[in-house]
Amino acid sequence: MSSVLNVDTIANKAGSGPVALTKQHAAKVWMSLNGTGTIALRDSFNISGVVDNGTGSYTPSFSNSFDSANYSASGAGGSSNSNANVRLNTPAAGSQDLETRASNDGSQYDEAYTRFTAHGDLA
């Protein structure tokens, strides 16, 4: 016999907020960003917004910060007609500066498909 669980919200034990992923190994932050023109998140988790710092330079801010800047992060970029390297600059507990650079000459450029993921303990 199978069961189905349909819910609108899963709350913490006190019933006052969402269940927190603090000591689990699931990604705590991820995003898929269109970094061309007016930047826009295609989809994301735990991202409150992204600042466009100029050509190929972005700062995603986290809705819930990490407990320190010592989390593990990775980035990738590229589309069917381009290939980007994503450079992660100095992290902060609540944000991460990143750049998209052309794989052939290292120049910064706006990438249509920029992806970022981070793992660690939330504050």
N, C-alpha and C. Protein backbone atom coordinates (compact mmCIF):
# COMPACT_ATOMS: atom_id res chain seq x y z
N MET A 1 0.84 -1.17 0.00
CA MET A 1 0.00 0.00 0.00
C MET A 1 0.89 1.24 0.00
N SER A 2 0.69 2.14 -0.91
CA SER A 2 1.47 3.37 -0.97
C SER A 2 0.70 4.50 -0.31
N SER A 3 1.46 5.51 0.11
CA SER A 3 0.88 6.67 0.77
C SER A 3 1.27 7.92 0.03
N VAL A 4 0.45 8.94 0.14
CA VAL A 4 0.73 10.24 -0.45
C VAL A 4 0.66 11.28 0.66
N LEU A 5 1.65 12.13 0.72
CA LEU A 5 1.68 13.22 1.70
C LEU A 5 1.60 14.53 0.93
N ASN A 6 0.53 15.27 1.10
CA ASN A 6 0.35 16.56 0.44
C ASN A 6 0.34 17.64 1.51
N VAL A 7 1.29 18.58 1.43
CA VAL A 7 1.36 19.67 2.39
C VAL A 7 1.66 20.97 1.68
N ASP A 8 1.31 22.07 2.30
CA ASP A 8 1.66 23.39 1.78
C ASP A 8 2.92 23.91 2.43
N THR A 9 3.12 23.59 3.72
CA THR A 9 4.27 24.11 4.45
C THR A 9 4.75 23.05 5.44
N ILE A 10 6.05 22.90 5.55
CA ILE A 10 6.64 22.09 6.61
C ILE A 10 7.32 23.07 7.55
N ALA A 11 6.90 23.07 8.81
CA ALA A 11 7.42 24.02 9.79
C ALA A 11 8.36 23.34 10.77
N ASN A 12 9.17 24.16 11.45
CA ASN A 12 10.05 23.63 12.49
C ASN A 12 9.20 23.12 13.66
N LYS A 13 9.84 22.49 14.63
CA LYS A 13 9.12 21.87 15.74
C LYS A 13 8.23 22.87 16.48
N ALA A 14 8.70 24.11 16.61
CA ALA A 14 7.93 25.14 17.30
C ALA A 14 6.75 25.64 16.46
N GLY A 15 6.76 25.32 15.16
CA GLY A 15 5.71 25.79 14.27
C GLY A 15 5.85 27.23 13.86
N SER A 16 7.02 27.82 14.11
CA SER A 16 7.20 29.25 13.84
C SER A 16 8.02 29.56 12.59
N GLY A 17 8.52 28.56 11.91
CA GLY A 17 9.34 28.84 10.72
C GLY A 17 9.66 27.58 9.95
N PRO A 18 10.39 27.72 8.86
CA PRO A 18 10.71 26.55 8.03
C PRO A 18 11.73 25.64 8.71
N VAL A 19 11.76 24.41 8.27
CA VAL A 19 12.76 23.47 8.76
C VAL A 19 14.11 23.89 8.20
N ALA A 20 15.13 23.94 9.04
CA ALA A 20 16.46 24.39 8.63
C ALA A 20 17.36 23.22 8.28
N LEU A 21 18.11 23.35 7.19
CA LEU A 21 19.14 22.38 6.84
C LEU A 21 20.46 22.94 7.35
N THR A 22 20.82 22.61 8.56
CA THR A 22 22.02 23.21 9.13
C THR A 22 23.21 22.27 9.20
N LYS A 23 23.00 21.00 9.42
CA LYS A 23 24.12 20.06 9.55
C LYS A 23 24.02 18.93 8.53
N GLN A 24 23.27 19.12 7.48
CA GLN A 24 23.15 18.11 6.44
C GLN A 24 24.03 18.49 5.27
N HIS A 25 24.24 17.56 4.37
CA HIS A 25 25.16 17.79 3.26
C HIS A 25 24.49 18.23 1.97
N ALA A 26 23.25 18.57 2.01
CA ALA A 26 22.56 19.09 0.83
C ALA A 26 23.11 20.47 0.49
N ALA A 27 23.03 20.85 -0.78
CA ALA A 27 23.45 22.20 -1.17
C ALA A 27 22.60 23.21 -0.41
N LYS A 28 23.26 24.20 0.17
CA LYS A 28 22.54 25.21 0.94
C LYS A 28 22.21 26.43 0.10
N VAL A 29 22.92 26.58 -1.02
CA VAL A 29 22.71 27.71 -1.94
C VAL A 29 22.96 27.19 -3.36
N TRP A 30 22.11 27.58 -4.30
CA TRP A 30 22.40 27.34 -5.70
C TRP A 30 21.62 28.34 -6.55
N MET A 31 22.15 28.57 -7.74
CA MET A 31 21.46 29.47 -8.66
C MET A 31 21.81 29.14 -10.10
N SER A 32 20.91 29.49 -10.99
CA SER A 32 21.14 29.50 -12.42
C SER A 32 20.79 30.91 -12.87
N LEU A 33 21.79 31.63 -13.38
CA LEU A 33 21.66 33.06 -13.67
C LEU A 33 21.81 33.34 -15.16
N ASN A 34 20.93 34.18 -15.70
CA ASN A 34 21.13 34.75 -17.02
C ASN A 34 21.89 36.05 -16.78
N GLY A 35 23.18 36.05 -17.09
CA GLY A 35 24.03 37.20 -16.81
C GLY A 35 24.15 38.19 -17.95
N THR A 36 23.27 38.11 -18.95
CA THR A 36 23.33 39.03 -20.08
C THR A 36 22.20 40.05 -19.98
N GLY A 37 22.43 41.25 -20.54
CA GLY A 37 21.40 42.28 -20.50
C GLY A 37 21.03 42.61 -19.07
N THR A 38 19.74 42.67 -18.79
CA THR A 38 19.27 42.83 -17.42
C THR A 38 19.32 41.45 -16.79
N ILE A 39 20.22 41.26 -15.83
CA ILE A 39 20.42 39.93 -15.27
C ILE A 39 19.14 39.42 -14.61
N ALA A 40 18.98 38.10 -14.63
CA ALA A 40 17.79 37.49 -14.06
C ALA A 40 18.10 36.07 -13.60
N LEU A 41 17.58 35.72 -12.45
CA LEU A 41 17.70 34.34 -11.97
C LEU A 41 16.74 33.47 -12.76
N ARG A 42 17.26 32.40 -13.34
CA ARG A 42 16.40 31.41 -13.99
C ARG A 42 15.72 30.57 -12.91
N ASP A 43 16.50 30.19 -11.91
CA ASP A 43 16.00 29.43 -10.78
C ASP A 43 17.05 29.53 -9.68
N SER A 44 16.65 29.33 -8.43
CA SER A 44 17.61 29.46 -7.34
C SER A 44 17.06 28.86 -6.07
N PHE A 45 17.94 28.68 -5.10
CA PHE A 45 17.58 28.27 -3.75
C PHE A 45 18.43 29.06 -2.78
N ASN A 46 17.80 29.71 -1.81
CA ASN A 46 18.47 30.49 -0.77
C ASN A 46 19.26 31.68 -1.32
N ILE A 47 18.81 32.23 -2.44
CA ILE A 47 19.40 33.44 -3.01
C ILE A 47 18.38 34.56 -2.86
N SER A 48 18.78 35.65 -2.17
CA SER A 48 17.85 36.77 -1.99
C SER A 48 17.94 37.78 -3.12
N GLY A 49 19.03 37.77 -3.87
CA GLY A 49 19.20 38.68 -4.98
C GLY A 49 20.61 38.60 -5.52
N VAL A 50 20.82 39.18 -6.69
CA VAL A 50 22.14 39.19 -7.33
C VAL A 50 22.43 40.61 -7.79
N VAL A 51 23.60 41.12 -7.43
CA VAL A 51 24.04 42.44 -7.87
C VAL A 51 24.90 42.26 -9.12
N ASP A 52 24.64 43.06 -10.15
CA ASP A 52 25.46 43.10 -11.36
C ASP A 52 26.53 44.15 -11.13
N ASN A 53 27.78 43.72 -10.94
CA ASN A 53 28.88 44.63 -10.64
C ASN A 53 29.58 45.18 -11.89
N GLY A 54 29.10 44.81 -13.07
CA GLY A 54 29.75 45.20 -14.31
C GLY A 54 29.95 43.97 -15.17
N THR A 55 30.65 44.12 -16.26
CA THR A 55 30.83 43.04 -17.21
C THR A 55 31.41 41.79 -16.55
N GLY A 56 30.63 40.70 -16.58
CA GLY A 56 31.07 39.41 -16.07
C GLY A 56 31.35 39.37 -14.58
N SER A 57 30.74 40.24 -13.79
CA SER A 57 30.98 40.28 -12.35
C SER A 57 29.64 40.37 -11.62
N TYR A 58 29.41 39.40 -10.71
CA TYR A 58 28.12 39.30 -10.02
C TYR A 58 28.35 39.00 -8.54
N THR A 59 27.40 39.41 -7.71
CA THR A 59 27.44 39.06 -6.29
C THR A 59 26.07 38.55 -5.87
N PRO A 60 25.90 37.23 -5.79
CA PRO A 60 24.67 36.71 -5.21
C PRO A 60 24.70 36.84 -3.69
N SER A 61 23.59 37.25 -3.11
CA SER A 61 23.44 37.33 -1.65
C SER A 61 22.54 36.19 -1.20
N PHE A 62 22.84 35.65 -0.03
CA PHE A 62 22.12 34.50 0.48
C PHE A 62 20.98 34.94 1.39
N SER A 63 19.84 34.30 1.27
CA SER A 63 18.71 34.57 2.16
C SER A 63 19.06 34.19 3.59
N ASN A 64 19.72 33.05 3.75
CA ASN A 64 20.20 32.58 5.04
C ASN A 64 21.71 32.42 4.94
N SER A 65 22.45 33.13 5.76
CA SER A 65 23.92 33.13 5.69
C SER A 65 24.51 31.82 6.21
N PHE A 66 25.73 31.55 5.79
CA PHE A 66 26.51 30.46 6.34
C PHE A 66 27.03 30.87 7.71
N ASP A 67 27.50 29.91 8.50
CA ASP A 67 28.01 30.25 9.84
C ASP A 67 29.38 30.91 9.76
N SER A 68 30.04 30.83 8.61
CA SER A 68 31.32 31.51 8.37
C SER A 68 31.54 31.59 6.86
N ALA A 69 32.65 32.17 6.45
CA ALA A 69 32.99 32.24 5.03
C ALA A 69 33.76 31.01 4.57
N ASN A 70 33.79 29.96 5.38
CA ASN A 70 34.58 28.77 5.07
C ASN A 70 33.75 27.65 4.45
N TYR A 71 32.74 27.99 3.67
CA TYR A 71 31.95 26.99 2.97
C TYR A 71 32.65 26.59 1.67
N SER A 72 32.17 25.53 1.06
CA SER A 72 32.72 25.05 -0.20
C SER A 72 31.80 25.50 -1.33
N ALA A 73 32.36 26.12 -2.35
CA ALA A 73 31.55 26.64 -3.45
C ALA A 73 32.15 26.25 -4.79
N SER A 74 31.30 26.18 -5.80
CA SER A 74 31.77 25.93 -7.16
C SER A 74 30.87 26.67 -8.13
N GLY A 75 31.40 26.94 -9.30
CA GLY A 75 30.64 27.64 -10.32
C GLY A 75 30.94 27.08 -11.69
N ALA A 76 30.01 27.25 -12.59
CA ALA A 76 30.18 26.81 -13.97
C ALA A 76 29.42 27.77 -14.87
N GLY A 77 29.87 27.86 -16.09
CA GLY A 77 29.19 28.72 -17.04
C GLY A 77 29.33 28.18 -18.44
N GLY A 78 28.45 28.61 -19.29
CA GLY A 78 28.54 28.21 -20.68
C GLY A 78 27.17 27.95 -21.27
N SER A 79 27.13 28.04 -22.58
CA SER A 79 25.92 27.75 -23.34
C SER A 79 26.35 27.03 -24.61
N SER A 80 25.44 26.81 -25.49
CA SER A 80 25.75 26.05 -26.70
C SER A 80 26.78 26.74 -27.58
N ASN A 81 26.93 28.06 -27.46
CA ASN A 81 27.89 28.76 -28.33
C ASN A 81 29.02 29.44 -27.57
N SER A 82 29.17 29.14 -26.29
CA SER A 82 30.27 29.74 -25.54
C SER A 82 30.67 28.83 -24.39
N ASN A 83 31.82 29.09 -23.83
CA ASN A 83 32.32 28.30 -22.72
C ASN A 83 32.99 29.24 -21.74
N ALA A 84 32.47 29.32 -20.53
CA ALA A 84 32.98 30.27 -19.55
C ALA A 84 33.64 29.55 -18.40
N ASN A 85 34.64 30.18 -17.85
CA ASN A 85 35.20 29.77 -16.57
C ASN A 85 34.59 30.69 -15.52
N VAL A 86 34.18 30.14 -14.40
CA VAL A 86 33.63 30.95 -13.33
C VAL A 86 34.67 31.03 -12.23
N ARG A 87 35.08 32.24 -11.93
CA ARG A 87 36.08 32.49 -10.89
C ARG A 87 35.34 32.95 -9.64
N LEU A 88 35.59 32.26 -8.52
CA LEU A 88 35.00 32.63 -7.24
C LEU A 88 36.00 33.46 -6.47
N ASN A 89 35.65 34.67 -6.14
CA ASN A 89 36.53 35.55 -5.38
C ASN A 89 36.30 35.34 -3.89
N THR A 90 36.90 36.17 -3.05
CA THR A 90 36.82 36.02 -1.60
C THR A 90 35.37 35.89 -1.13
N PRO A 91 35.04 34.79 -0.43
CA PRO A 91 33.66 34.61 0.03
C PRO A 91 33.36 35.39 1.30
N ALA A 92 32.09 35.64 1.53
CA ALA A 92 31.60 36.18 2.79
C ALA A 92 30.51 35.23 3.27
N ALA A 93 30.16 35.27 4.54
CA ALA A 93 29.15 34.36 5.07
C ALA A 93 27.80 34.55 4.38
N GLY A 94 27.51 35.77 3.91
CA GLY A 94 26.20 36.06 3.33
C GLY A 94 26.19 36.33 1.84
N SER A 95 27.34 36.17 1.17
CA SER A 95 27.39 36.44 -0.27
C SER A 95 28.67 35.85 -0.87
N GLN A 96 28.75 35.85 -2.19
CA GLN A 96 29.93 35.35 -2.90
C GLN A 96 30.14 36.17 -4.16
N ASP A 97 31.28 36.83 -4.30
CA ASP A 97 31.61 37.51 -5.55
C ASP A 97 32.08 36.48 -6.55
N LEU A 98 31.60 36.59 -7.79
CA LEU A 98 32.06 35.68 -8.83
C LEU A 98 32.18 36.41 -10.15
N GLU A 99 33.03 35.86 -11.01
CA GLU A 99 33.26 36.43 -12.34
C GLU A 99 33.13 35.34 -13.39
N THR A 100 32.63 35.71 -14.57
CA THR A 100 32.64 34.80 -15.70
C THR A 100 33.70 35.29 -16.67
N ARG A 101 34.56 34.36 -17.08
CA ARG A 101 35.68 34.69 -17.96
C ARG A 101 35.71 33.74 -19.15
N ALA A 102 36.07 34.27 -20.31
CA ALA A 102 36.18 33.46 -21.52
C ALA A 102 37.29 32.44 -21.36
N SER A 103 37.02 31.21 -21.77
CA SER A 103 38.02 30.16 -21.60
C SER A 103 39.21 30.33 -22.55
N ASN A 104 39.03 31.04 -23.66
CA ASN A 104 40.14 31.18 -24.61
C ASN A 104 41.14 32.26 -24.24
N ASP A 105 40.70 33.38 -23.65
CA ASP A 105 41.65 34.46 -23.36
C ASP A 105 41.54 35.02 -21.92
N GLY A 106 40.61 34.52 -21.13
CA GLY A 106 40.48 34.94 -19.74
C GLY A 106 39.78 36.27 -19.53
N SER A 107 39.27 36.89 -20.61
CA SER A 107 38.61 38.18 -20.45
C SER A 107 37.22 37.98 -19.82
N GLN A 108 36.82 38.95 -18.98
CA GLN A 108 35.50 38.90 -18.38
C GLN A 108 34.45 39.22 -19.42
N TYR A 109 33.34 38.50 -19.37
CA TYR A 109 32.21 38.79 -20.24
C TYR A 109 30.93 38.32 -19.59
N ASP A 110 29.80 38.83 -20.04
CA ASP A 110 28.49 38.45 -19.51
C ASP A 110 28.08 37.12 -20.12
N GLU A 111 27.88 36.12 -19.28
CA GLU A 111 27.53 34.77 -19.72
C GLU A 111 26.04 34.52 -19.55
N ALA A 112 25.43 33.94 -20.56
CA ALA A 112 24.00 33.66 -20.52
C ALA A 112 23.64 32.58 -19.51
N TYR A 113 24.54 31.65 -19.26
CA TYR A 113 24.28 30.56 -18.32
C TYR A 113 25.39 30.50 -17.28
N THR A 114 25.15 31.10 -16.12
CA THR A 114 26.11 31.08 -15.01
C THR A 114 25.45 30.32 -13.86
N ARG A 115 26.18 29.32 -13.35
CA ARG A 115 25.64 28.49 -12.28
C ARG A 115 26.58 28.52 -11.08
N PHE A 116 26.01 28.49 -9.90
CA PHE A 116 26.78 28.57 -8.66
C PHE A 116 26.11 27.69 -7.61
N THR A 117 26.92 26.94 -6.85
CA THR A 117 26.43 26.08 -5.79
C THR A 117 27.35 26.20 -4.59
N ALA A 118 26.80 26.15 -3.37
CA ALA A 118 27.63 26.20 -2.16
C ALA A 118 27.11 25.21 -1.12
N HIS A 119 28.06 24.60 -0.42
CA HIS A 119 27.77 23.63 0.64
C HIS A 119 28.47 24.07 1.91
N GLY A 120 27.83 23.87 3.04
CA GLY A 120 28.42 24.21 4.34
C GLY A 120 27.33 24.29 5.38
N ASP A 121 27.69 24.73 6.55
CA ASP A 121 26.73 24.86 7.64
C ASP A 121 26.15 26.27 7.68
N LEU A 122 24.84 26.35 7.76
CA LEU A 122 24.18 27.66 7.85
C LEU A 122 24.29 28.18 9.28
N ALA A 123 24.19 29.50 9.40
CA ALA A 123 24.26 30.14 10.73
C ALA A 123 23.07 29.76 11.57
